[in-house]
């Protein structure tokens, strides 16, 4: 007698994560696993009619910063609203374990500065019910979420925990320090850490302006930590580099990878200062891979873009003296002042002044856009405020000022500062197609008031497979495989990212024709009324985690089957053949 499946998805167009052509099939799920793909005869306890819909594996987002959010919320939004069923946090060397009570404020200031998550939100939302990393993992393991979450050991927290003030001020580590950090890193892998993350960029600073503690960590320190982790099991080394020091830092990180055999992953973007450097970096990865190194490049799905506005963390006039004088006022009061002719005249007559804020760029109106509705992230140069102002015989500052006053002071400006040197996304397409790359850098959970990129997984499907008009597209099978199977493999999660019998039942049912991103808007739904940018998304008929429907028709069901992922899941020998 045929057993009754828990759930059957009927007649969908399957993009199974393997990269092959779409095909029509049913999918049966029992006990949180996919049990059958094809014509399923048995009727399920629950059924979803997926005829005419796209059915994909759940997406795996390898670059998020939900380290704080997992402590105060069971809903890992906005990633869970964008088809993501597994999110990896603890990137860029920042996080909250290990940590002594005396360093709580220090780690909060670092997260606030690096990832733009407000201090009051973190202070109110983090219970600090742990000290060591294994304690943190044990605490997380008792919580349930609407998606699975995996954690990495953050270098900044580890360095400060072992070295104290010396670590915070970036002193070189001693051999004793290295041995202590290595021992704790080994403990972290045994507790389930999927990797270790570090940062070497000047842009990563605390909210008080200090550089990240890991900025100049020595090769001996990194080698000791990576070797100890790799000795305990499969883990990955994630890092962030500066373009200005990449010629020294990248070879060093590759030596660490070669000497410890640990897989490494890091972000590659197109930078205006050296718009072709990404090609050289990918060539270096290709050569290193040919030598046997396991290297993955993380590629943003669109420009990394800043959202500027009066309600947000930054705007083009924030260093103008007349604006600084009213910046502390509530939005409604600021709006009244900004509508006054004398205030407008004063602000527009002034110029941006120097600041050490790494995410404030002296306004370049030939790189600034109105995002529009629907949001357009690949606009031609003639759409910039600079070009519009020249056509109108006006100053671009006037257009920016007026745009921010729209929607009762909630109008936003868009500045693509990475991946848009050519005024199009052709370079991004080439990077995404590289065999050593995966989609990454969505930064879900971070940059609450300036960047809104957690919608990358949806954008990959809407823009790259359907809507792009300024260049070649990508295929649905390619995009699905890239952000489901390839991302999962890059962090050692062999058991997901594929629709095939035996795999974890993380599945999306998508109304592909109606899949749509709305413009970003500010929501005040964090602890103590904290602010964050979110994008509404339409078109996800159902998102399923471990066989349980967590999102239906764009709304949360309240089910939270997601768990902490402790360490690598499965192996190639167990799941590789089924995924080929």
Protein backbone atom coordinates (compact mmCIF):
# COMPACT_ATOMS: atom_id res chain seq x y z
CA UNK A 1 0.00 0.00 0.00
CA UNK A 2 1.39 3.42 -1.03
CA UNK A 3 2.00 5.72 1.94
CA UNK A 4 0.36 9.12 1.99
CA UNK A 5 2.80 11.99 1.34
CA UNK A 6 2.69 14.96 3.69
CA UNK A 7 2.60 17.34 0.73
CA UNK A 8 2.33 17.02 -3.04
CA UNK A 9 3.12 19.89 -5.39
CA UNK A 10 1.17 19.17 -8.59
CA UNK A 11 2.14 19.87 -12.19
CA UNK A 12 4.75 22.58 -11.75
CA UNK A 13 7.47 23.59 -14.19
CA UNK A 14 10.49 22.25 -12.36
CA UNK A 15 13.84 24.05 -12.30
CA UNK A 16 15.48 21.37 -10.21
CA UNK A 17 18.75 23.13 -9.36
CA UNK A 18 20.88 20.89 -11.58
CA UNK A 19 20.98 23.45 -14.42
CA UNK A 20 19.07 21.36 -17.01
CA UNK A 21 15.93 22.28 -18.92
CA UNK A 22 12.63 22.88 -17.17
CA UNK A 23 10.23 19.96 -17.08
CA UNK A 24 6.72 19.35 -15.78
CA UNK A 25 6.36 17.08 -12.77
CA UNK A 26 4.80 16.52 -9.37
CA UNK A 27 6.89 16.69 -6.20
CA UNK A 28 6.05 14.54 -3.17
CA UNK A 29 7.34 15.40 0.29
CA UNK A 30 7.29 13.32 3.47
CA UNK A 31 9.10 13.85 6.76
CA UNK A 32 10.84 16.99 5.56
CA UNK A 33 12.45 15.24 2.56
CA UNK A 34 11.57 15.02 -1.11
CA UNK A 35 10.44 11.45 -1.75
CA UNK A 36 9.31 11.46 -5.38
CA UNK A 37 9.61 13.65 -8.47
CA UNK A 38 7.53 12.73 -11.51
CA UNK A 39 3.94 11.55 -11.71
CA UNK A 40 2.87 11.10 -8.09
CA UNK A 41 -0.12 8.76 -7.84
CA UNK A 42 -0.78 9.13 -4.13
CA UNK A 43 -2.85 12.03 -2.85
CA UNK A 44 -1.01 14.13 -0.29
CA UNK A 45 -2.30 15.21 3.09
CA UNK A 46 -1.84 18.68 1.64
CA UNK A 47 -1.64 19.57 -2.03
CA UNK A 48 -0.50 22.65 -3.94
CA UNK A 49 -1.70 23.21 -7.50
CA UNK A 50 1.44 24.43 -9.28
CA UNK A 51 0.20 24.15 -12.86
CA UNK A 52 1.72 26.99 -14.87
CA UNK A 53 3.98 27.91 -11.95
CA UNK A 54 7.75 27.70 -11.57
CA UNK A 55 8.92 25.25 -8.89
CA UNK A 56 12.48 25.67 -7.61
CA UNK A 57 14.61 24.55 -4.70
CA UNK A 58 14.75 27.02 -1.84
CA UNK A 59 17.50 29.58 -2.28
CA UNK A 60 20.63 29.55 -0.11
CA UNK A 61 21.95 33.03 0.72
CA UNK A 62 25.56 32.72 1.83
CA UNK A 63 26.18 36.37 2.78
CA UNK A 64 23.83 37.80 5.40
CA UNK A 65 24.09 39.57 8.75
CA UNK A 66 21.15 38.24 10.74
CA UNK A 67 23.40 37.77 13.81
CA UNK A 68 21.28 40.23 15.77
CA UNK A 69 17.89 39.51 14.24
CA UNK A 70 17.97 35.79 15.11
CA UNK A 71 18.11 36.86 18.76
CA UNK A 72 14.92 38.92 18.71
CA UNK A 73 12.86 37.48 15.87
CA UNK A 74 11.83 34.07 14.61
CA UNK A 75 11.02 35.50 11.18
CA UNK A 76 14.15 36.09 9.12
CA UNK A 77 12.66 38.76 6.91
CA UNK A 78 13.18 40.01 4.30
CA UNK A 79 15.15 36.96 3.10
CA UNK A 80 12.32 34.54 3.91
CA UNK A 81 10.03 36.67 1.71
CA UNK A 82 12.42 36.32 -1.23
CA UNK A 83 12.52 32.55 -1.59
CA UNK A 84 15.49 32.05 0.73
CA UNK A 85 15.22 28.92 2.87
CA UNK A 86 18.77 28.92 4.29
CA UNK A 87 20.74 32.03 5.29
CA UNK A 88 24.38 32.10 6.40
CA UNK A 89 25.27 34.85 8.89
CA UNK A 90 28.48 35.89 10.63
CA UNK A 91 30.09 37.35 7.52
CA UNK A 92 32.76 40.07 7.27
CA UNK A 93 34.31 39.22 10.63
CA UNK A 94 31.52 40.77 12.69
CA UNK A 95 29.17 39.03 15.12
CA UNK A 96 28.38 38.55 18.78
CA UNK A 97 30.25 35.45 19.94
CA UNK A 98 32.54 34.81 21.62
CA UNK A 99 32.16 37.86 23.84
CA UNK A 100 32.81 38.76 27.46
CA UNK A 101 30.31 41.10 29.16
CA UNK A 102 32.89 43.89 29.19
CA UNK A 103 32.97 43.82 25.37
CA UNK A 104 29.23 43.86 24.63
CA UNK A 105 29.26 47.54 23.77
CA UNK A 106 32.40 47.19 21.65
CA UNK A 107 30.89 44.47 19.45
CA UNK A 108 27.63 46.38 19.14
CA UNK A 109 29.51 49.50 18.03
CA UNK A 110 31.39 47.43 15.45
CA UNK A 111 28.20 45.92 14.05
CA UNK A 112 26.53 49.33 14.02
CA UNK A 113 29.41 50.91 12.15
CA UNK A 114 30.08 48.10 9.67
CA UNK A 115 26.53 47.00 8.96
CA UNK A 116 24.40 50.07 9.80
CA UNK A 117 22.24 48.32 12.39
CA UNK A 118 21.36 50.95 15.01
CA UNK A 119 22.87 50.60 18.48
CA UNK A 120 19.52 50.99 20.32
CA UNK A 121 18.10 48.10 18.26
CA UNK A 122 21.05 45.83 19.05
CA UNK A 123 21.22 46.83 22.71
CA UNK A 124 17.52 46.15 23.21
CA UNK A 125 17.33 43.04 21.06
CA UNK A 126 20.38 40.97 22.05
CA UNK A 127 19.97 39.06 25.34
CA UNK A 128 23.66 38.11 25.67
CA UNK A 129 22.69 34.69 27.02
CA UNK A 130 26.11 33.31 26.04
CA UNK A 131 29.82 34.02 26.25
CA UNK A 132 31.59 31.37 24.17
CA UNK A 133 30.76 30.53 20.56
CA UNK A 134 29.56 27.02 21.51
CA UNK A 135 27.28 28.65 24.12
CA UNK A 136 25.90 30.92 21.38
CA UNK A 137 25.24 27.94 19.10
CA UNK A 138 23.57 26.03 21.92
CA UNK A 139 21.32 29.01 22.64
CA UNK A 140 20.42 29.37 18.94
CA UNK A 141 19.71 25.66 18.61
CA UNK A 142 16.77 26.04 20.97
CA UNK A 143 15.12 28.65 18.74
CA UNK A 144 12.99 28.04 15.66
CA UNK A 145 12.71 30.24 12.58
CA UNK A 146 10.87 30.54 9.28
CA UNK A 147 14.10 29.49 7.50
CA UNK A 148 17.26 27.61 8.42
CA UNK A 149 20.21 29.69 9.61
CA UNK A 150 23.91 28.84 9.63
CA UNK A 151 26.62 30.69 11.54
CA UNK A 152 30.27 31.51 11.00
CA UNK A 153 32.84 32.40 13.64
CA UNK A 154 33.55 36.16 13.35
CA UNK A 155 37.22 37.11 13.55
CA UNK A 156 36.68 40.47 15.27
CA UNK A 157 34.80 38.88 18.15
CA UNK A 158 37.38 36.10 18.46
CA UNK A 159 40.34 38.50 18.37
CA UNK A 160 38.90 40.80 21.02
CA UNK A 161 37.92 37.82 23.19
CA UNK A 162 41.47 36.46 23.20
CA UNK A 163 43.54 39.66 23.00
CA UNK A 164 41.30 42.22 24.70
CA UNK A 165 42.32 45.82 24.11
CA UNK A 166 45.38 44.72 22.12
CA UNK A 167 43.10 42.96 19.66
CA UNK A 168 40.75 45.91 19.35
CA UNK A 169 43.59 48.29 18.55
CA UNK A 170 44.95 45.88 15.93
CA UNK A 171 48.23 44.95 17.64
CA UNK A 172 50.03 41.97 16.10
CA UNK A 173 49.09 38.69 17.75
CA UNK A 174 51.66 36.66 19.66
CA UNK A 175 52.21 32.91 19.20
CA UNK A 176 50.28 32.42 22.45
CA UNK A 177 47.40 34.50 21.07
CA UNK A 178 47.38 32.43 17.90
CA UNK A 179 47.28 29.17 19.81
CA UNK A 180 44.38 30.44 21.92
CA UNK A 181 42.43 31.65 18.89
CA UNK A 182 43.10 28.40 17.05
CA UNK A 183 41.81 26.34 19.96
CA UNK A 184 38.59 28.37 20.15
CA UNK A 185 38.19 28.15 16.36
CA UNK A 186 38.40 24.37 16.56
CA UNK A 187 35.76 24.44 19.31
CA UNK A 188 33.56 26.55 17.03
CA UNK A 189 33.65 24.01 14.20
CA UNK A 190 32.83 21.20 16.62
CA UNK A 191 29.88 23.31 17.79
CA UNK A 192 28.65 23.67 14.20
CA UNK A 193 30.29 26.77 12.72
CA UNK A 194 30.09 26.60 8.93
CA UNK A 195 33.10 28.85 8.57
CA UNK A 196 35.25 31.71 9.78
CA UNK A 197 35.01 35.28 8.50
CA UNK A 198 37.42 38.20 8.50
CA UNK A 199 37.72 41.69 7.02
CA UNK A 200 40.63 43.69 5.67
CA UNK A 201 38.80 46.77 4.38
CA UNK A 202 39.14 50.34 5.59
CA UNK A 203 35.39 50.76 5.06
CA UNK A 204 34.67 48.52 8.05
CA UNK A 205 34.76 50.74 11.13
CA UNK A 206 33.01 51.00 14.45
CA UNK A 207 30.33 53.62 14.97
CA UNK A 208 32.99 55.65 16.78
CA UNK A 209 35.28 55.59 13.72
CA UNK A 210 37.83 52.94 14.74
CA UNK A 211 38.94 50.42 12.11
CA UNK A 212 37.83 46.82 12.47
CA UNK A 213 40.15 44.83 14.78
CA UNK A 214 40.97 42.38 11.97
CA UNK A 215 42.22 44.94 9.44
CA UNK A 216 45.91 44.01 9.59
CA UNK A 217 45.80 40.57 11.22
CA UNK A 218 48.95 38.68 10.33
CA UNK A 219 49.27 35.69 8.04
CA UNK A 220 50.43 33.59 10.99
CA UNK A 221 47.24 34.42 12.89
CA UNK A 222 44.95 33.60 9.98
CA UNK A 223 46.85 30.40 9.17
CA UNK A 224 46.62 29.15 12.75
CA UNK A 225 42.88 29.76 12.91
CA UNK A 226 42.14 28.28 9.47
CA UNK A 227 44.27 25.20 10.08
CA UNK A 228 42.58 24.49 13.39
CA UNK A 229 39.12 24.80 11.85
CA UNK A 230 39.93 22.62 8.86
CA UNK A 231 41.37 19.96 11.15
CA UNK A 232 37.98 19.65 12.87
CA UNK A 233 35.84 19.30 9.77
CA UNK A 234 34.53 21.02 6.66
CA UNK A 235 34.42 24.82 7.05
CA UNK A 236 35.00 27.83 4.82
CA UNK A 237 37.09 31.00 5.22
CA UNK A 238 35.14 34.10 4.12
CA UNK A 239 36.94 37.41 3.75
CA UNK A 240 36.55 40.97 2.51
CA UNK A 241 39.42 42.86 0.85
CA UNK A 242 40.14 46.44 -0.18
CA UNK A 243 40.94 47.28 -3.78
CA UNK A 244 43.81 49.46 -2.54
CA UNK A 245 45.58 46.52 -0.86
CA UNK A 246 44.33 43.59 -2.94
CA UNK A 247 47.74 43.03 -4.57
CA UNK A 248 49.20 42.22 -1.13
CA UNK A 249 46.18 40.78 0.68
CA UNK A 250 44.82 38.41 -1.97
CA UNK A 251 48.09 36.48 -2.43
CA UNK A 252 48.35 36.24 1.35
CA UNK A 253 44.82 34.84 1.70
CA UNK A 254 45.52 32.34 -1.06
CA UNK A 255 48.66 31.23 0.76
CA UNK A 256 46.53 30.68 3.87
CA UNK A 257 44.15 28.57 1.77
CA UNK A 258 46.99 26.60 0.19
CA UNK A 259 48.77 25.96 3.49
CA UNK A 260 45.64 24.92 5.40
CA UNK A 261 43.55 23.36 2.57
CA UNK A 262 40.51 25.33 3.78
CA UNK A 263 37.98 26.46 1.12
CA UNK A 264 37.82 30.24 0.76
CA UNK A 265 35.18 32.65 -0.50
CA UNK A 266 35.24 36.40 -1.02
CA UNK A 267 33.30 39.12 -2.81
CA UNK A 268 34.26 40.47 -6.22
CA UNK A 269 32.73 43.66 -7.58
CA UNK A 270 33.45 46.14 -10.33
CA UNK A 271 35.02 49.27 -8.84
CA UNK A 272 35.12 52.65 -10.60
CA UNK A 273 38.78 53.14 -9.65
CA UNK A 274 39.86 50.01 -11.55
CA UNK A 275 36.84 48.93 -13.58
CA UNK A 276 38.63 45.94 -15.14
CA UNK A 277 40.33 44.64 -12.00
CA UNK A 278 37.59 42.01 -11.51
CA UNK A 279 38.81 40.21 -14.63
CA UNK A 280 42.32 39.88 -13.21
CA UNK A 281 40.91 38.64 -9.90
CA UNK A 282 38.83 35.97 -11.62
CA UNK A 283 41.91 34.90 -13.59
CA UNK A 284 43.82 34.56 -10.30
CA UNK A 285 41.01 32.39 -8.94
CA UNK A 286 41.07 30.25 -12.08
CA UNK A 287 44.81 29.70 -11.75
CA UNK A 288 44.57 28.95 -8.03
CA UNK A 289 41.73 26.50 -8.65
CA UNK A 290 43.86 24.73 -11.22
CA UNK A 291 46.42 24.22 -8.42
CA UNK A 292 43.76 22.48 -6.35
CA UNK A 293 42.51 25.34 -4.17
CA UNK A 294 38.78 25.52 -3.43
CA UNK A 295 37.82 29.16 -4.10
CA UNK A 296 34.43 30.75 -4.63
CA UNK A 297 33.78 34.32 -5.71
CA UNK A 298 30.62 35.97 -4.39
CA UNK A 299 28.99 38.24 -7.00
CA UNK A 300 26.25 40.80 -6.28
CA UNK A 301 23.24 40.35 -8.55
CA UNK A 302 23.00 44.04 -9.42
CA UNK A 303 24.84 47.26 -8.52
CA UNK A 304 25.62 47.65 -4.85
CA UNK A 305 23.66 50.83 -4.48
CA UNK A 306 23.13 53.39 -1.76
CA UNK A 307 19.62 54.66 -1.03
CA UNK A 308 19.74 58.31 0.05
CA UNK A 309 16.93 60.28 1.63
CA UNK A 310 15.75 62.37 4.54
CA UNK A 311 14.38 59.32 6.35
CA UNK A 312 17.55 57.30 5.75
CA UNK A 313 21.06 57.17 7.21
CA UNK A 314 22.56 59.48 4.61
CA UNK A 315 21.64 62.10 2.02
CA UNK A 316 23.62 64.34 -0.37
CA UNK A 317 23.31 67.38 1.88
CA UNK A 318 24.18 65.83 5.22
CA UNK A 319 27.55 67.65 5.44
CA UNK A 320 26.14 71.03 4.37
CA UNK A 321 26.27 73.35 7.42
CA UNK A 322 22.66 74.52 7.11
CA UNK A 323 21.37 70.94 6.89
CA UNK A 324 23.57 69.77 9.78
CA UNK A 325 21.91 72.41 11.93
CA UNK A 326 18.51 70.71 11.52
CA UNK A 327 19.60 67.08 11.05
CA UNK A 328 18.67 66.16 14.63
CA UNK A 329 15.03 67.20 14.19
CA UNK A 330 12.21 64.68 13.61
CA UNK A 331 11.38 64.15 9.94
CA UNK A 332 8.16 66.16 10.09
CA UNK A 333 9.91 69.18 11.59
CA UNK A 334 12.86 68.90 9.18
CA UNK A 335 10.42 68.76 6.30
CA UNK A 336 8.82 72.04 7.35
CA UNK A 337 12.22 73.70 7.50
CA UNK A 338 13.32 72.27 4.15
CA UNK A 339 10.22 73.66 2.47
CA UNK A 340 11.17 77.17 3.62
CA UNK A 341 12.64 79.17 0.69
CA UNK A 342 15.47 80.59 2.82
CA UNK A 343 16.52 77.12 4.04
CA UNK A 344 16.41 75.72 0.52
CA UNK A 345 18.53 78.62 -0.75
CA UNK A 346 21.06 78.21 2.05
CA UNK A 347 21.51 74.46 1.62
CA UNK A 348 21.76 74.64 -2.16
CA UNK A 349 24.35 77.42 -1.96
CA UNK A 350 26.64 75.28 0.21
CA UNK A 351 28.92 72.39 -0.71
CA UNK A 352 29.60 68.97 0.72
CA UNK A 353 32.41 69.00 3.25
CA UNK A 354 34.93 66.31 4.15
CA UNK A 355 33.85 63.39 6.33
CA UNK A 356 35.44 60.12 7.40
CA UNK A 357 32.16 58.26 6.89
CA UNK A 358 33.16 55.41 4.53
CA UNK A 359 29.65 55.23 3.05
CA UNK A 360 29.34 58.95 2.35
CA UNK A 361 30.58 59.77 -1.11
CA UNK A 362 30.93 63.35 -2.24
CA UNK A 363 27.79 63.64 -4.38
CA UNK A 364 28.35 62.78 -8.04
CA UNK A 365 25.08 63.57 -9.78
CA UNK A 366 26.22 61.82 -12.92
CA UNK A 367 26.00 58.61 -10.84
CA UNK A 368 22.73 59.39 -9.08
CA UNK A 369 19.28 58.20 -10.21
CA UNK A 370 15.63 58.17 -9.26
CA UNK A 371 14.95 54.46 -8.80
CA UNK A 372 11.37 54.60 -10.10
CA UNK A 373 8.38 52.32 -9.72
CA UNK A 374 8.90 49.55 -10.63
CA UNK A 375 12.49 50.00 -9.44
CA UNK A 376 15.00 50.06 -12.29
CA UNK A 377 18.55 49.10 -11.29
CA UNK A 378 19.98 49.20 -14.83
CA UNK A 379 19.20 52.68 -16.10
CA UNK A 380 21.12 54.40 -18.92
CA UNK A 381 23.44 57.35 -18.16
CA UNK A 382 20.93 59.82 -19.64
CA UNK A 383 18.67 59.08 -16.66
CA UNK A 384 21.10 60.43 -14.07
CA UNK A 385 20.18 63.60 -12.20
CA UNK A 386 23.21 65.26 -13.75
CA UNK A 387 22.03 64.51 -17.29
CA UNK A 388 18.45 65.51 -16.48
CA UNK A 389 19.63 68.79 -14.96
CA UNK A 390 21.68 69.66 -18.05
CA UNK A 391 18.67 69.05 -20.28
CA UNK A 392 16.54 71.28 -18.07
CA UNK A 393 19.15 74.00 -17.64
CA UNK A 394 19.13 73.53 -13.85
CA UNK A 395 21.52 72.44 -11.12
CA UNK A 396 21.37 68.72 -10.23
CA UNK A 397 21.32 69.63 -6.52
CA UNK A 398 17.91 71.19 -7.08
CA UNK A 399 16.55 67.96 -8.55
CA UNK A 400 17.94 65.93 -5.67
CA UNK A 401 16.50 68.33 -3.10
CA UNK A 402 13.06 68.25 -4.71
CA UNK A 403 13.08 64.47 -5.13
CA UNK A 404 13.73 63.92 -1.42
CA UNK A 405 10.82 66.19 -0.49
CA UNK A 406 8.35 64.03 -2.43
CA UNK A 407 6.16 61.44 -0.70
CA UNK A 408 6.03 63.63 2.41
CA UNK A 409 9.80 63.67 2.74
CA UNK A 410 10.28 59.98 1.97
CA UNK A 411 11.54 60.31 -1.60
CA UNK A 412 14.76 58.38 -2.23
CA UNK A 413 17.78 58.71 -4.49
CA UNK A 414 19.78 55.76 -5.80
CA UNK A 415 23.57 55.74 -6.19
CA UNK A 416 25.09 52.56 -7.70
CA UNK A 417 28.67 52.64 -6.40
CA UNK A 418 29.85 49.12 -7.31
CA UNK A 419 29.17 46.97 -10.40
CA UNK A 420 28.08 49.95 -12.52
CA UNK A 421 31.24 51.54 -13.91
CA UNK A 422 30.06 50.96 -17.50
CA UNK A 423 26.54 52.28 -16.96
CA UNK A 424 25.16 48.76 -17.47
CA UNK A 425 25.33 45.28 -15.92
CA UNK A 426 27.29 43.49 -18.64
CA UNK A 427 30.27 43.00 -16.31
CA UNK A 428 27.97 41.60 -13.62
CA UNK A 429 26.56 39.08 -16.09
CA UNK A 430 30.06 37.94 -17.01
CA UNK A 431 31.01 37.61 -13.34
CA UNK A 432 27.85 35.62 -12.54
CA UNK A 433 28.62 33.24 -15.40
CA UNK A 434 32.13 32.49 -14.19
CA UNK A 435 32.35 28.82 -13.13
CA UNK A 436 33.99 29.78 -9.82
CA UNK A 437 31.32 32.28 -8.76
CA UNK A 438 28.03 32.22 -6.86
CA UNK A 439 25.53 35.01 -6.18
CA UNK A 440 26.36 36.72 -2.90
CA UNK A 441 26.63 39.94 -0.87
CA UNK A 442 22.89 40.49 -0.31
CA UNK A 443 23.74 41.59 3.25
CA UNK A 444 20.28 40.55 4.48
CA UNK A 445 19.66 41.97 7.94
CA UNK A 446 22.22 44.78 7.54
CA UNK A 447 22.54 48.33 6.21
CA UNK A 448 19.09 49.10 7.52
CA UNK A 449 19.07 52.74 6.46
CA UNK A 450 21.20 52.90 3.31
CA UNK A 451 21.24 49.63 1.30
CA UNK A 452 18.32 47.35 0.41
CA UNK A 453 19.81 44.33 -1.34
CA UNK A 454 18.27 41.34 0.47
CA UNK A 455 15.99 41.08 -2.58
CA UNK A 456 18.91 39.85 -4.72
CA UNK A 457 17.42 36.32 -5.07
CA UNK A 458 14.18 37.71 -6.52
CA UNK A 459 16.07 40.18 -8.71
CA UNK A 460 18.11 37.35 -10.20
CA UNK A 461 14.89 35.78 -11.46
CA UNK A 462 13.00 38.90 -12.48
CA UNK A 463 15.73 40.97 -14.11
CA UNK A 464 18.20 38.42 -15.34
CA UNK A 465 15.81 35.81 -16.77
CA UNK A 466 12.82 37.95 -17.79
CA UNK A 467 12.99 41.73 -17.72
CA UNK A 468 16.46 42.79 -18.87
CA UNK A 469 16.33 44.98 -21.97
CA UNK A 470 19.85 46.46 -22.11
CA UNK A 471 21.80 43.28 -22.79
CA UNK A 472 21.76 39.51 -22.75
CA UNK A 473 19.76 37.62 -20.15
CA UNK A 474 20.50 34.46 -18.19
CA UNK A 475 18.41 31.29 -18.26
CA UNK A 476 16.05 30.26 -15.46
CA UNK A 477 17.87 26.92 -14.94
CA UNK A 478 21.22 28.70 -14.66
CA UNK A 479 20.00 31.27 -12.12
CA UNK A 480 18.18 28.69 -9.99
CA UNK A 481 21.19 26.36 -9.91
CA UNK A 482 23.49 29.28 -9.07
CA UNK A 483 21.55 30.51 -6.06
CA UNK A 484 20.32 27.15 -4.78
CA UNK A 485 22.77 24.32 -5.49
CA UNK A 486 26.02 26.21 -6.07
CA UNK A 487 25.60 28.43 -3.02
CA UNK A 488 24.71 25.41 -0.87
CA UNK A 489 27.79 23.50 -1.99
CA UNK A 490 30.05 26.51 -1.36
CA UNK A 491 29.32 26.28 2.38
CA UNK A 492 29.18 22.49 2.65
CA UNK A 493 25.40 22.01 2.59
CA UNK A 494 25.20 19.02 0.26
CA UNK A 495 21.68 18.06 1.35
CA UNK A 496 19.78 20.97 -0.23
CA UNK A 497 19.49 23.12 -3.33
CA UNK A 498 18.14 20.33 -5.57
CA UNK A 499 14.65 18.96 -6.26
CA UNK A 500 15.31 15.22 -6.24
CA UNK A 501 14.44 12.30 -3.97
CA UNK A 502 16.37 12.32 -0.70
CA UNK A 503 17.07 16.04 -0.62
CA UNK A 504 15.81 18.40 2.05
CA UNK A 505 12.31 19.61 1.15
CA UNK A 506 13.05 23.32 0.75
CA UNK A 507 10.98 24.43 -2.24
CA UNK A 508 9.53 27.57 -3.84
CA UNK A 509 6.35 27.67 -5.92
CA UNK A 510 6.55 30.88 -7.94
CA UNK A 511 4.07 32.69 -10.17
CA UNK A 512 6.86 33.65 -12.52
CA UNK A 513 4.84 36.09 -14.63
CA UNK A 514 3.71 38.00 -11.53
CA UNK A 515 7.06 37.96 -9.72
CA UNK A 516 7.68 41.60 -8.94
CA UNK A 517 9.75 43.83 -6.65
CA UNK A 518 8.30 47.06 -5.30
CA UNK A 519 10.43 50.14 -4.48
CA UNK A 520 12.18 50.13 -1.09
CA UNK A 521 10.30 51.69 1.81
CA UNK A 522 11.21 52.41 5.41
CA UNK A 523 9.56 50.26 8.09
CA UNK A 524 9.85 50.81 11.83
CA UNK A 525 9.52 47.21 12.95
CA UNK A 526 12.82 46.51 14.70
CA UNK A 527 13.20 46.52 18.50
CA UNK A 528 12.48 49.92 20.10
CA UNK A 529 10.90 51.01 16.81
CA UNK A 530 14.14 50.77 14.86
CA UNK A 531 14.15 51.55 11.15
CA UNK A 532 14.97 49.37 8.20
CA UNK A 533 14.54 49.44 4.42
CA UNK A 534 12.35 46.68 2.98
CA UNK A 535 10.99 45.83 -0.46
CA UNK A 536 7.59 44.23 -0.87
CA UNK A 537 7.70 41.29 -3.26
CA UNK A 538 4.84 39.66 -5.16
CA UNK A 539 4.77 36.29 -6.89
CA UNK A 540 5.84 33.70 -4.32
CA UNK A 541 2.80 31.44 -4.13
CA UNK A 542 4.47 29.25 -1.52
CA UNK A 543 7.82 28.84 0.20
CA UNK A 544 8.37 25.48 1.88
CA UNK A 545 11.02 24.75 4.52
CA UNK A 546 11.60 21.14 5.57
CA UNK A 547 8.27 20.23 3.98
CA UNK A 548 6.29 22.92 5.83
CA UNK A 549 4.70 25.92 4.07
CA UNK A 550 6.10 29.08 5.69
CA UNK A 551 4.98 31.68 3.13
CA UNK A 552 1.75 31.52 1.16
CA UNK A 553 0.70 34.15 -1.35
CA UNK A 554 3.13 36.69 0.06
CA UNK A 555 2.07 36.26 3.68
CA UNK A 556 3.74 34.34 6.50
CA UNK A 557 1.83 31.27 7.66
CA UNK A 558 3.32 31.48 11.16
CA UNK A 559 5.01 28.09 10.78
CA UNK A 560 8.64 28.09 11.87
CA UNK A 561 10.29 24.78 10.95
CA UNK A 562 13.67 26.43 10.39
CA UNK A 563 16.53 25.47 12.66
CA UNK A 564 20.16 26.28 13.30
CA UNK A 565 22.31 24.36 10.83
CA UNK A 566 25.13 22.79 12.81
CA UNK A 567 28.08 22.19 10.50
CA UNK A 568 28.31 20.70 7.02
CA UNK A 569 25.27 18.66 6.00
CA UNK A 570 25.65 15.41 4.09
CA UNK A 571 28.49 14.74 1.68
CA UNK A 572 29.16 14.51 -2.02
CA UNK A 573 29.18 10.72 -1.83
CA UNK A 574 25.72 10.82 -0.27
CA UNK A 575 24.09 13.47 -2.45
CA UNK A 576 26.40 14.08 -5.41
CA UNK A 577 25.09 11.40 -7.76
CA UNK A 578 21.47 12.45 -7.26
CA UNK A 579 22.36 16.04 -8.08
CA UNK A 580 24.32 15.31 -11.27
